[in-house]
Amino acid sequence: MKSEPFPIVSVKGDSYARGQQYGSQAKTSIVKNLDTYAKLFKHYSKLDWKRVKQEAEKFIPIIENYDSEIMEEIQGIAEGAKRRVEDIVALNARYELIYSSWTGCTSLAVIPEATSSKHTLMGQNWDWSIFVRDTCILLKIEQENKPNILTFTEAGMVGKIGLNSAGIGVCVNGLVSNKDKRLPSTPFHVICRGILNSKAMGDALGAILRAKRKCSANYLIAHKDGEAF
């Protein structure tokens, strides 16, 4: 089977402008992703779309408190895609809304002294639904006062797997523990963006530690100079 390349969406400017550009360029994929997740939320979490939007509203002040610019970008995505803000928040909070129904992925990092190229290497597989295969994109983000970003993500989401111009990369995988709760919290995908917004490893770790978290996840963070956590 021939593998088609993922669409590239390039955005720049302030947070709201970036969101508008994203939503406009990826509108078709975002709408398809919303239709897909309407089915997945119903199947895995027994939530119809009216209830999904009600739940999504609870995440808005948490995202705003975590990073107001990320929330502005989400609002811009909604405007560009001609959808409600709650729709786009629901996509970004899909890990929490479907949490514990599916876990997996394997991520790895190798530091320079263990590689023939003497570079830090990162990688992962992605064990998730085949139904979102056609709505994934490569999102290129050019932003002021923060690193530029390249992230592989699902259309409508602000971040996931990726790397930035400061030399920081992130890979992820889902986890489950007996202390997890499906409650409003800082969305997993928003935390990924917080990591990718970071200029230094300390900031990247802080992007996780300052988040309000209610369910388990593994964030593998590495730097070009050889650190990996």
Protein backbone atom coordinates (compact mmCIF):
# COMPACT_ATOMS: atom_id res chain seq x y z
CA MET A 1 0.00 0.00 0.00
CA LYS A 2 1.37 3.41 -0.96
CA SER A 3 1.75 5.75 1.99
CA GLU A 4 0.59 9.30 1.32
CA PRO A 5 2.42 12.16 3.09
CA PHE A 6 0.64 14.01 5.86
CA PRO A 7 -0.62 17.51 5.00
CA ILE A 8 1.60 20.34 6.25
CA VAL A 9 -0.14 23.27 7.95
CA SER A 10 2.08 26.32 8.50
CA VAL A 11 1.05 29.14 10.84
CA LYS A 12 2.64 32.28 12.26
CA GLY A 13 1.80 35.52 14.04
CA ASP A 14 0.14 36.03 17.41
CA SER A 15 -1.72 33.21 19.12
CA TYR A 16 -5.19 34.05 17.79
CA ALA A 17 -3.90 34.63 14.24
CA ARG A 18 -2.06 31.30 14.31
CA GLY A 19 -5.25 29.58 15.38
CA GLN A 20 -7.30 31.23 12.63
CA GLN A 21 -4.75 30.19 10.00
CA TYR A 22 -4.71 26.65 11.37
CA GLY A 23 -8.50 26.36 11.47
CA SER A 24 -8.88 27.78 7.98
CA GLN A 25 -6.18 25.64 6.35
CA ALA A 26 -7.21 22.41 8.08
CA LYS A 27 -10.98 23.01 8.18
CA THR A 28 -11.91 19.89 6.19
CA SER A 29 -9.71 17.64 8.33
CA ILE A 30 -10.94 19.24 11.56
CA VAL A 31 -14.58 18.69 10.63
CA LYS A 32 -13.82 15.07 9.70
CA ASN A 33 -11.94 14.62 12.99
CA LEU A 34 -14.94 15.96 14.92
CA ASP A 35 -17.24 13.50 13.14
CA THR A 36 -14.84 10.67 13.95
CA TYR A 37 -14.57 11.59 17.62
CA ALA A 38 -18.32 11.96 17.95
CA LYS A 39 -18.43 8.22 17.21
CA LEU A 40 -15.42 7.39 19.41
CA PHE A 41 -16.75 9.34 22.41
CA LYS A 42 -20.07 7.57 22.05
CA HIS A 43 -18.46 4.14 21.73
CA TYR A 44 -15.81 4.36 24.45
CA SER A 45 -17.28 6.84 26.95
CA LYS A 46 -21.03 6.66 26.26
CA LEU A 47 -21.09 10.44 25.67
CA ASP A 48 -23.25 12.02 22.99
CA TRP A 49 -21.98 15.25 21.44
CA LYS A 50 -24.20 17.48 23.60
CA ARG A 51 -22.67 15.95 26.72
CA VAL A 52 -19.18 16.11 25.18
CA LYS A 53 -19.52 19.88 24.74
CA GLN A 54 -20.79 20.26 28.29
CA GLU A 55 -17.75 18.38 29.55
CA ALA A 56 -15.44 20.38 27.26
CA GLU A 57 -16.63 23.67 28.79
CA LYS A 58 -15.16 22.56 32.13
CA PHE A 59 -11.68 22.38 30.58
CA ILE A 60 -11.69 25.96 29.28
CA PRO A 61 -10.77 27.81 32.52
CA ILE A 62 -8.13 25.16 33.27
CA ILE A 63 -6.48 25.65 29.87
CA GLU A 64 -6.75 29.42 30.29
CA ASN A 65 -5.01 29.22 33.66
CA TYR A 66 -2.31 26.91 32.29
CA ASP A 67 -1.48 29.07 29.25
CA SER A 68 -3.78 31.83 28.05
CA GLU A 69 -2.06 31.96 24.64
CA ILE A 70 -2.83 28.29 24.00
CA MET A 71 -6.47 29.00 24.82
CA GLU A 72 -6.43 31.99 22.43
CA GLU A 73 -5.02 29.72 19.73
CA ILE A 74 -7.83 27.22 20.33
CA GLN A 75 -10.35 30.06 20.00
CA GLY A 76 -8.68 31.04 16.73
CA ILE A 77 -8.86 27.46 15.45
CA ALA A 78 -12.59 27.42 16.17
CA GLU A 79 -13.05 30.71 14.29
CA GLY A 80 -10.99 29.55 11.32
CA ALA A 81 -12.79 26.21 11.10
CA LYS A 82 -16.23 27.80 11.71
CA ARG A 83 -16.91 25.60 14.73
CA ARG A 84 -17.71 26.28 18.38
CA VAL A 85 -14.85 26.65 20.84
CA GLU A 86 -16.21 23.68 22.83
CA ASP A 87 -15.78 21.47 19.75
CA ILE A 88 -12.08 22.28 19.49
CA VAL A 89 -11.56 21.97 23.26
CA ALA A 90 -13.18 18.52 23.08
CA LEU A 91 -10.62 17.43 20.49
CA ASN A 92 -7.76 18.71 22.64
CA ALA A 93 -9.23 16.97 25.70
CA ARG A 94 -10.00 13.70 23.93
CA TYR A 95 -7.35 11.82 25.98
CA GLU A 96 -9.18 12.75 29.17
CA LEU A 97 -12.67 12.20 27.74
CA ILE A 98 -11.87 8.71 26.41
CA TYR A 99 -9.30 7.98 29.09
CA SER A 100 -8.59 4.36 30.08
CA SER A 101 -10.40 2.98 27.03
CA TRP A 102 -7.14 2.58 25.17
CA THR A 103 -3.52 2.73 26.29
CA GLY A 104 -0.31 1.93 24.52
CA CYS A 105 2.46 3.35 22.33
CA THR A 106 6.17 2.82 22.92
CA SER A 107 8.66 5.69 23.00
CA LEU A 108 12.44 5.74 23.15
CA ALA A 109 15.40 8.10 23.26
CA VAL A 110 19.12 7.46 22.71
CA ILE A 111 21.68 10.01 23.87
CA PRO A 112 24.67 11.02 21.65
CA GLU A 113 27.36 8.81 23.21
CA ALA A 114 25.29 5.72 22.34
CA THR A 115 24.68 6.63 18.69
CA SER A 116 26.96 6.33 15.66
CA SER A 117 25.91 9.82 14.50
CA LYS A 118 26.60 11.37 17.93
CA HIS A 119 23.16 12.96 17.86
CA THR A 120 20.24 12.55 20.25
CA LEU A 121 17.66 10.26 18.67
CA MET A 122 13.98 9.94 19.60
CA GLY A 123 11.10 7.92 18.24
CA GLN A 124 7.85 6.16 18.98
CA ASN A 125 4.99 4.20 17.51
CA TRP A 126 1.40 5.38 17.93
CA ASP A 127 -1.19 2.81 19.00
CA TRP A 128 -4.48 4.56 18.46
CA SER A 129 -7.58 4.33 16.30
CA ILE A 130 -7.16 3.68 12.59
CA PHE A 131 -10.17 5.96 12.05
CA VAL A 132 -8.05 9.09 12.71
CA ARG A 133 -5.35 8.10 10.21
CA ASP A 134 -6.64 10.44 7.51
CA THR A 135 -7.01 13.47 9.80
CA CYS A 136 -3.42 13.72 11.01
CA ILE A 137 -1.24 16.67 10.01
CA LEU A 138 2.25 18.09 10.39
CA LEU A 139 1.81 21.46 12.08
CA LYS A 140 4.60 24.04 11.65
CA ILE A 141 4.33 26.89 14.14
CA GLU A 142 6.32 30.12 13.92
CA GLN A 143 5.84 32.19 17.07
CA GLU A 144 7.40 35.24 18.69
CA ASN A 145 9.29 34.93 21.99
CA LYS A 146 8.91 31.15 21.96
CA PRO A 147 10.62 28.41 19.92
CA ASN A 148 9.31 27.47 16.51
CA ILE A 149 7.68 24.03 16.48
CA LEU A 150 7.11 21.07 14.20
CA THR A 151 4.52 18.67 15.62
CA PHE A 152 2.70 15.61 14.31
CA THR A 153 -0.85 15.88 15.60
CA GLU A 154 -4.51 15.33 14.84
CA ALA A 155 -6.34 18.12 13.06
CA GLY A 156 -7.66 20.65 15.57
CA MET A 157 -5.20 19.78 18.33
CA VAL A 158 -2.52 22.24 19.43
CA GLY A 159 0.28 19.71 19.90
CA LYS A 160 1.44 16.13 20.31
CA ILE A 161 4.70 14.47 19.22
CA GLY A 162 7.31 16.92 17.98
CA LEU A 163 10.41 19.05 18.31
CA ASN A 164 11.28 22.72 18.51
CA SER A 165 13.98 25.17 17.43
CA ALA A 166 15.48 25.17 20.95
CA GLY A 167 16.51 21.53 20.47
CA ILE A 168 13.77 19.98 22.63
CA GLY A 169 11.71 17.00 21.47
CA VAL A 170 8.83 15.08 23.02
CA CYS A 171 7.41 11.60 22.48
CA VAL A 172 4.51 10.20 24.46
CA ASN A 173 2.58 7.12 25.46
CA GLY A 174 -0.55 6.41 27.43
CA LEU A 175 -0.51 4.91 30.92
CA VAL A 176 -3.13 3.75 33.45
CA SER A 177 -2.96 3.63 37.23
CA ASN A 178 -5.47 2.92 39.99
CA LYS A 179 -5.30 6.58 41.07
CA ASP A 180 -6.57 7.97 37.77
CA LYS A 181 -9.82 9.92 37.58
CA ARG A 182 -11.75 11.14 34.54
CA LEU A 183 -12.10 14.71 35.75
CA PRO A 184 -11.47 18.11 34.14
CA SER A 185 -7.73 18.77 34.11
CA THR A 186 -5.00 20.22 31.92
CA PRO A 187 -5.42 18.25 28.69
CA PHE A 188 -2.65 15.86 27.74
CA HIS A 189 -2.29 17.47 24.30
CA VAL A 190 -2.13 20.95 25.82
CA ILE A 191 0.72 19.77 28.07
CA CYS A 192 2.51 18.45 24.96
CA ARG A 193 2.26 21.97 23.50
CA GLY A 194 3.53 23.43 26.77
CA ILE A 195 6.60 21.20 26.49
CA LEU A 196 7.18 22.23 22.87
CA ASN A 197 6.83 25.91 23.82
CA SER A 198 9.82 25.53 26.16
CA LYS A 199 13.24 27.06 25.60
CA ALA A 200 15.11 24.84 28.08
CA MET A 201 14.76 21.39 29.66
CA GLY A 202 13.82 22.88 33.02
CA ASP A 203 10.93 24.73 31.38
CA ALA A 204 9.84 21.53 29.60
CA LEU A 205 9.73 19.61 32.88
CA GLY A 206 7.90 22.52 34.47
CA ALA A 207 5.27 22.37 31.72
CA ILE A 208 4.30 18.96 33.13
CA LEU A 209 4.77 19.64 36.83
CA ARG A 210 2.69 22.85 36.87
CA ALA A 211 -0.22 21.21 35.06
CA LYS A 212 -3.39 20.08 36.83
CA ARG A 213 -3.31 16.36 36.00
CA LYS A 214 -5.93 13.68 36.73
CA CYS A 215 -4.84 10.77 34.54
CA SER A 216 -1.55 9.07 33.82
CA ALA A 217 0.68 9.63 30.80
CA ASN A 218 4.34 9.22 29.93
CA TYR A 219 6.17 12.21 28.46
CA LEU A 220 9.61 11.39 27.08
CA ILE A 221 11.56 14.66 26.72
CA ALA A 222 15.03 14.95 25.21
CA HIS A 223 17.42 17.72 24.22
CA LYS A 224 19.82 17.84 21.28
CA ASP A 225 22.76 18.21 23.70
CA GLY A 226 22.10 14.79 25.19
CA GLU A 227 19.68 15.04 28.10
CA ALA A 228 16.65 12.73 28.22
CA PHE A 229 13.94 12.35 30.86
